[in-house]
Amino acid sequence: MRGLIASLSANVCVAVTVVALAMSAHGQAAEEIPGAKLIVATRLTQRNKREVKGSVVPPVRVPKPERVCRGCGKTVQRDSIHCGECEADIRTNRLVEVARAGRMAGHTPEAIAKEAATHRKHAQARAAWDSTMDFLHRDIEEEYERWKNIVGLDDPYQSDDTLGLHDLLTAHFLIIDYFAEKKYAFGGVGPRNLDLLHSSLSRQFTGYGGAKKWNGIFENCATLMFGLIMNHPFHDANKRTALLAVLSLLHRKKHIITLQQKKLDSLVVAIAANELQSYFGRETR
């Protein structure tokens, strides 16, 4: 061991001499360089010295690299690869691509034939449907009639392109009647607050100076569903009532939803939890 150390020391001396001669050959000594330090390359680092002497070598804490956005370079959380702005742009572009692919897929001969078959099936169902409203539970029917009398015959929201008070009451009590037959428990039946119900329905007519904020049947359905779910005008079954009411309006305008029931359920839950962005992000993956 002593021989090894002596050999290394000799090598260091030789290296120092060579460096000094080289610098003097260029007419400049090491000490003449402002702020210069003479460091000779060697494997005998402090860690190796301690290992040679048999002392404890302290562990080296390696700093974790900072996680940055792959798009713009901003600092992001450990579980993210993009910042909020870049993520929004990526999801928007992804939605556009998915929509484009969906339009192309919807114009294939197979898709057109399937859509025609679906329209025929629904047309047959509409022709065979009995429009009379029969309740399975007498007490629920009586409560429905009581609320019809409370709101009265005057319905300022009812039109061919919008839903009114009686439409929502019908949808709500049909939902209650159906799930009561399935032995589901409810936190209450009927409207919790009529003002909140009016507020939800009035969203269909939001505008200024004669210009409506929401144009078209789809935007109207979207704002109505959002208002019913977030205002919570009924004691219970607000999400189910909102979904049934919107589907009935779309059906009235000859639009048939082909989305799976699980995805519709996930949609209304995402609206209630204010997680629509996450919902569309999942659906486009």
Protein backbone atom coordinates (compact mmCIF):
# COMPACT_ATOMS: atom_id res chain seq x y z
CA MET A 1 0.00 0.00 0.00
CA ARG A 2 2.83 2.39 0.89
CA GLY A 3 4.44 1.58 -2.46
CA LEU A 4 1.20 2.49 -4.25
CA ILE A 5 0.94 5.84 -2.48
CA ALA A 6 4.60 6.62 -3.19
CA SER A 7 4.09 5.81 -6.86
CA LEU A 8 1.03 8.06 -7.09
CA SER A 9 2.88 10.90 -5.36
CA ALA A 10 5.73 10.61 -7.84
CA ASN A 11 3.28 10.75 -10.73
CA VAL A 12 1.72 13.89 -9.28
CA CYS A 13 5.12 15.60 -9.01
CA VAL A 14 5.97 14.71 -12.59
CA ALA A 15 2.62 16.06 -13.80
CA VAL A 16 3.09 19.34 -11.93
CA THR A 17 6.56 19.76 -13.41
CA VAL A 18 5.29 19.12 -16.95
CA VAL A 19 2.47 21.65 -16.56
CA ALA A 20 4.80 24.29 -15.14
CA LEU A 21 7.30 23.82 -17.95
CA ALA A 22 4.56 24.05 -20.56
CA MET A 23 3.18 27.28 -19.15
CA SER A 24 6.63 28.87 -18.81
CA ALA A 25 7.33 27.90 -22.43
CA HIS A 26 4.39 30.07 -23.43
CA GLY A 27 5.84 32.97 -21.43
CA GLN A 28 3.20 32.92 -18.65
CA ALA A 29 3.38 31.31 -15.22
CA ALA A 30 0.35 29.87 -13.45
CA GLU A 31 0.37 32.51 -10.73
CA GLU A 32 0.29 35.28 -13.33
CA ILE A 33 -3.20 34.23 -14.51
CA PRO A 34 -5.78 36.23 -12.55
CA GLY A 35 -7.94 33.92 -10.43
CA ALA A 36 -6.31 30.77 -11.85
CA LYS A 37 -5.92 27.65 -9.74
CA LEU A 38 -3.49 24.87 -10.53
CA ILE A 39 -5.54 21.66 -10.49
CA VAL A 40 -3.85 18.48 -11.57
CA ALA A 41 -6.04 15.70 -12.95
CA THR A 42 -5.84 12.65 -10.65
CA ARG A 43 -8.00 9.72 -9.63
CA LEU A 44 -7.05 10.26 -5.98
CA THR A 45 -10.24 12.18 -5.04
CA GLN A 46 -11.42 12.85 -1.51
CA ARG A 47 -13.70 9.81 -1.66
CA ASN A 48 -10.84 7.56 -2.76
CA LYS A 49 -8.60 9.02 -0.07
CA ARG A 50 -11.12 8.16 2.63
CA GLU A 51 -11.59 4.67 1.25
CA VAL A 52 -7.79 4.17 1.29
CA LYS A 53 -7.60 5.34 4.90
CA GLY A 54 -10.52 3.12 5.89
CA SER A 55 -12.73 5.99 7.05
CA VAL A 56 -16.49 6.17 6.49
CA VAL A 57 -17.45 7.59 3.13
CA PRO A 58 -20.57 9.82 3.45
CA PRO A 59 -23.34 9.05 0.97
CA VAL A 60 -23.68 11.43 -1.93
CA ARG A 61 -27.17 12.87 -2.30
CA VAL A 62 -27.96 13.16 -5.98
CA PRO A 63 -30.29 16.11 -6.63
CA LYS A 64 -33.50 15.27 -8.47
CA PRO A 65 -33.73 16.93 -11.85
CA GLU A 66 -36.40 19.58 -12.21
CA ARG A 67 -39.40 18.41 -14.24
CA VAL A 68 -40.24 20.78 -17.07
CA CYS A 69 -42.99 20.98 -19.67
CA ARG A 70 -42.11 19.22 -22.90
CA GLY A 71 -43.78 21.97 -24.87
CA CYS A 72 -42.59 25.28 -23.40
CA GLY A 73 -40.07 24.36 -20.71
CA LYS A 74 -42.01 25.68 -17.72
CA THR A 75 -41.67 23.90 -14.38
CA VAL A 76 -44.45 21.34 -13.86
CA GLN A 77 -45.47 18.89 -11.16
CA ARG A 78 -43.78 15.54 -10.81
CA ASP A 79 -46.71 13.62 -12.31
CA SER A 80 -47.17 15.95 -15.31
CA ILE A 81 -45.43 16.19 -18.64
CA HIS A 82 -47.09 19.42 -19.83
CA CYS A 83 -48.12 22.69 -18.21
CA GLY A 84 -51.76 23.75 -18.12
CA GLU A 85 -51.58 25.94 -21.25
CA CYS A 86 -49.81 23.32 -23.36
CA GLU A 87 -52.13 20.59 -22.08
CA ALA A 88 -55.18 22.64 -23.10
CA ASP A 89 -53.75 23.18 -26.60
CA ILE A 90 -52.92 19.48 -26.94
CA ARG A 91 -56.41 18.41 -25.88
CA THR A 92 -58.01 20.93 -28.22
CA ASN A 93 -55.99 19.62 -31.15
CA ARG A 94 -56.81 16.07 -30.12
CA LEU A 95 -60.53 16.87 -30.07
CA VAL A 96 -60.28 18.38 -33.54
CA GLU A 97 -58.50 15.27 -34.82
CA VAL A 98 -61.05 12.96 -33.21
CA ALA A 99 -63.93 15.01 -34.63
CA ARG A 100 -62.37 14.87 -38.10
CA ALA A 101 -61.90 11.11 -37.83
CA GLY A 102 -65.47 10.74 -36.58
CA ARG A 103 -66.88 12.68 -39.52
CA MET A 104 -64.91 10.53 -41.94
CA ALA A 105 -66.06 7.33 -40.22
CA GLY A 106 -69.66 8.55 -40.19
CA HIS A 107 -69.73 8.89 -43.99
CA THR A 108 -68.67 5.33 -44.77
CA PRO A 109 -71.30 3.10 -46.43
CA GLU A 110 -71.43 0.87 -43.34
CA ALA A 111 -72.08 3.83 -41.02
CA ILE A 112 -74.78 5.28 -43.30
CA ALA A 113 -76.54 1.91 -43.50
CA LYS A 114 -76.38 1.51 -39.70
CA GLU A 115 -77.76 5.01 -39.15
CA ALA A 116 -80.64 4.36 -41.57
CA ALA A 117 -81.50 1.14 -39.74
CA THR A 118 -81.48 2.99 -36.41
CA HIS A 119 -83.80 5.69 -37.76
CA ARG A 120 -86.24 3.06 -39.02
CA LYS A 121 -86.20 1.34 -35.63
CA HIS A 122 -86.91 4.57 -33.76
CA ALA A 123 -89.60 5.58 -36.24
CA GLN A 124 -91.40 2.29 -35.57
CA ALA A 125 -91.06 2.85 -31.82
CA ARG A 126 -92.52 6.36 -32.09
CA ALA A 127 -95.45 5.11 -34.12
CA ALA A 128 -96.22 2.41 -31.55
CA TRP A 129 -95.73 4.64 -28.48
CA ASP A 130 -98.75 5.40 -26.31
CA SER A 131 -98.55 9.03 -25.25
CA THR A 132 -100.72 8.53 -22.16
CA MET A 133 -98.76 8.82 -18.95
CA ASP A 134 -99.50 5.98 -16.53
CA PHE A 135 -97.86 5.93 -13.10
CA LEU A 136 -96.98 2.73 -11.30
CA HIS A 137 -97.46 4.31 -7.87
CA ARG A 138 -100.59 6.19 -6.93
CA ASP A 139 -98.90 8.35 -4.26
CA ILE A 140 -96.28 9.58 -6.75
CA GLU A 141 -99.00 10.40 -9.27
CA GLU A 142 -100.88 12.43 -6.65
CA GLU A 143 -97.72 14.36 -5.79
CA TYR A 144 -97.17 15.03 -9.48
CA GLU A 145 -100.71 16.41 -9.87
CA ARG A 146 -100.23 18.57 -6.77
CA TRP A 147 -97.12 20.19 -8.22
CA LYS A 148 -98.85 20.73 -11.57
CA ASN A 149 -101.51 22.72 -9.75
CA ILE A 150 -98.87 24.70 -7.85
CA VAL A 151 -97.03 25.89 -10.97
CA GLY A 152 -100.31 26.48 -12.82
CA LEU A 153 -101.11 26.40 -16.50
CA ASP A 154 -99.03 29.46 -17.39
CA ASP A 155 -95.66 28.18 -18.64
CA PRO A 156 -93.49 31.00 -20.08
CA TYR A 157 -90.66 28.63 -21.02
CA GLN A 158 -92.56 26.16 -23.16
CA SER A 159 -91.97 26.27 -26.93
CA ASP A 160 -91.15 23.94 -29.78
CA ASP A 161 -87.40 24.46 -29.22
CA THR A 162 -87.35 24.72 -25.42
CA LEU A 163 -88.56 22.84 -22.35
CA GLY A 164 -91.04 24.23 -19.85
CA LEU A 165 -92.02 23.70 -16.22
CA HIS A 166 -94.44 20.89 -16.98
CA ASP A 167 -91.85 19.11 -19.12
CA LEU A 168 -89.39 19.05 -16.23
CA LEU A 169 -92.02 18.01 -13.69
CA THR A 170 -93.05 15.16 -15.97
CA ALA A 171 -89.46 14.02 -16.46
CA HIS A 172 -88.71 14.21 -12.73
CA PHE A 173 -91.77 12.27 -11.55
CA LEU A 174 -91.33 9.64 -14.26
CA ILE A 175 -87.79 9.09 -12.98
CA ILE A 176 -89.04 8.87 -9.37
CA ASP A 177 -91.83 6.47 -10.34
CA TYR A 178 -89.45 4.21 -12.29
CA PHE A 179 -86.81 3.94 -9.57
CA ALA A 180 -89.41 3.57 -6.84
CA GLU A 181 -90.50 0.40 -8.62
CA LYS A 182 -86.82 -0.72 -8.47
CA LYS A 183 -86.91 -0.14 -4.66
CA TYR A 184 -84.44 2.76 -4.83
CA ALA A 185 -84.44 5.16 -1.88
CA PHE A 186 -84.74 8.92 -2.48
CA GLY A 187 -83.81 11.93 -0.41
CA GLY A 188 -87.08 13.58 -1.36
CA VAL A 189 -89.65 13.90 -4.15
CA GLY A 190 -90.50 16.98 -6.17
CA PRO A 191 -88.94 20.43 -6.47
CA ARG A 192 -86.72 21.65 -3.63
CA ASN A 193 -86.89 25.27 -4.74
CA LEU A 194 -89.07 26.65 -7.53
CA ASP A 195 -86.84 29.71 -7.94
CA LEU A 196 -83.90 27.45 -8.78
CA LEU A 197 -86.11 25.59 -11.25
CA HIS A 198 -87.09 28.87 -12.93
CA SER A 199 -83.43 29.89 -13.01
CA SER A 200 -82.45 26.66 -14.77
CA LEU A 201 -85.19 27.02 -17.39
CA SER A 202 -84.48 30.70 -18.03
CA ARG A 203 -80.95 29.82 -19.20
CA GLN A 204 -82.55 28.78 -22.50
CA PHE A 205 -83.41 32.43 -23.17
CA THR A 206 -80.22 34.17 -21.99
CA GLY A 207 -79.29 37.02 -24.31
CA TYR A 208 -78.88 40.75 -24.73
CA GLY A 209 -80.37 43.21 -27.17
CA GLY A 210 -82.43 40.54 -28.89
CA ALA A 211 -79.39 38.31 -29.54
CA LYS A 212 -79.46 34.93 -27.81
CA LYS A 213 -76.34 33.68 -26.09
CA TRP A 214 -77.07 30.04 -26.90
CA ASN A 215 -77.95 29.27 -30.49
CA GLY A 216 -79.27 26.00 -31.83
CA ILE A 217 -80.80 22.96 -30.20
CA PHE A 218 -77.49 21.49 -29.00
CA GLU A 219 -76.26 24.61 -27.20
CA ASN A 220 -79.71 25.03 -25.69
CA CYS A 221 -79.66 21.45 -24.39
CA ALA A 222 -76.15 21.94 -23.01
CA THR A 223 -76.99 25.07 -21.00
CA LEU A 224 -80.25 23.55 -19.75
CA MET A 225 -78.54 20.37 -18.56
CA PHE A 226 -75.78 22.37 -16.86
CA GLY A 227 -78.30 24.59 -15.08
CA LEU A 228 -80.44 21.71 -13.84
CA ILE A 229 -77.47 19.74 -12.53
CA MET A 230 -75.65 22.65 -10.88
CA ASN A 231 -78.74 24.47 -9.48
CA HIS A 232 -80.05 21.26 -7.92
CA PRO A 233 -83.73 22.39 -8.00
CA PHE A 234 -85.14 18.98 -6.98
CA HIS A 235 -84.68 17.14 -3.70
CA ASP A 236 -83.11 14.19 -5.51
CA ALA A 237 -82.48 12.72 -8.99
CA ASN A 238 -81.38 16.06 -10.45
CA LYS A 239 -78.81 14.52 -12.81
CA ARG A 240 -81.23 11.84 -14.01
CA THR A 241 -84.01 14.39 -14.46
CA ALA A 242 -81.70 16.68 -16.46
CA LEU A 243 -80.58 13.84 -18.71
CA LEU A 244 -84.11 12.57 -19.38
CA ALA A 245 -85.41 16.09 -20.05
CA VAL A 246 -82.65 16.88 -22.54
CA LEU A 247 -83.05 13.54 -24.30
CA SER A 248 -86.79 14.18 -24.64
CA LEU A 249 -86.14 17.60 -26.22
CA LEU A 250 -83.63 16.10 -28.65
CA HIS A 251 -86.11 13.34 -29.48
CA ARG A 252 -88.76 15.96 -30.16
CA LYS A 253 -86.40 17.61 -32.67
CA LYS A 254 -85.70 14.25 -34.38
CA HIS A 255 -82.24 13.79 -32.85
CA ILE A 256 -81.49 10.34 -31.47
CA ILE A 257 -78.55 9.89 -29.09
CA THR A 258 -76.53 6.74 -29.83
CA LEU A 259 -73.98 7.22 -27.03
CA GLN A 260 -73.71 4.32 -24.60
CA GLN A 261 -75.55 4.67 -21.29
CA LYS A 262 -72.33 4.40 -19.26
CA LYS A 263 -70.84 7.34 -21.15
CA LEU A 264 -74.00 9.39 -20.63
CA ASP A 265 -73.84 8.61 -16.91
CA SER A 266 -70.17 9.62 -16.83
CA LEU A 267 -71.03 12.88 -18.61
CA VAL A 268 -73.63 14.04 -16.07
CA VAL A 269 -71.37 13.02 -13.17
CA ALA A 270 -68.50 15.03 -14.71
CA ILE A 271 -70.79 18.07 -15.04
CA ALA A 272 -71.82 17.81 -11.38
CA ALA A 273 -68.18 17.48 -10.28
CA ASN A 274 -67.05 20.34 -12.56
CA GLU A 275 -64.66 17.94 -14.33
CA LEU A 276 -65.77 18.27 -17.94
CA GLN A 277 -62.23 18.92 -19.16
CA SER A 278 -61.04 15.67 -17.59
CA TYR A 279 -64.07 13.83 -19.02
CA PHE A 280 -63.36 14.92 -22.60
CA GLY A 281 -59.66 14.20 -22.08
CA ARG A 282 -60.52 10.61 -21.15
CA GLU A 283 -63.00 10.16 -23.98
CA THR A 284 -60.52 11.29 -26.66
CA ARG A 285 -57.70 8.96 -25.61
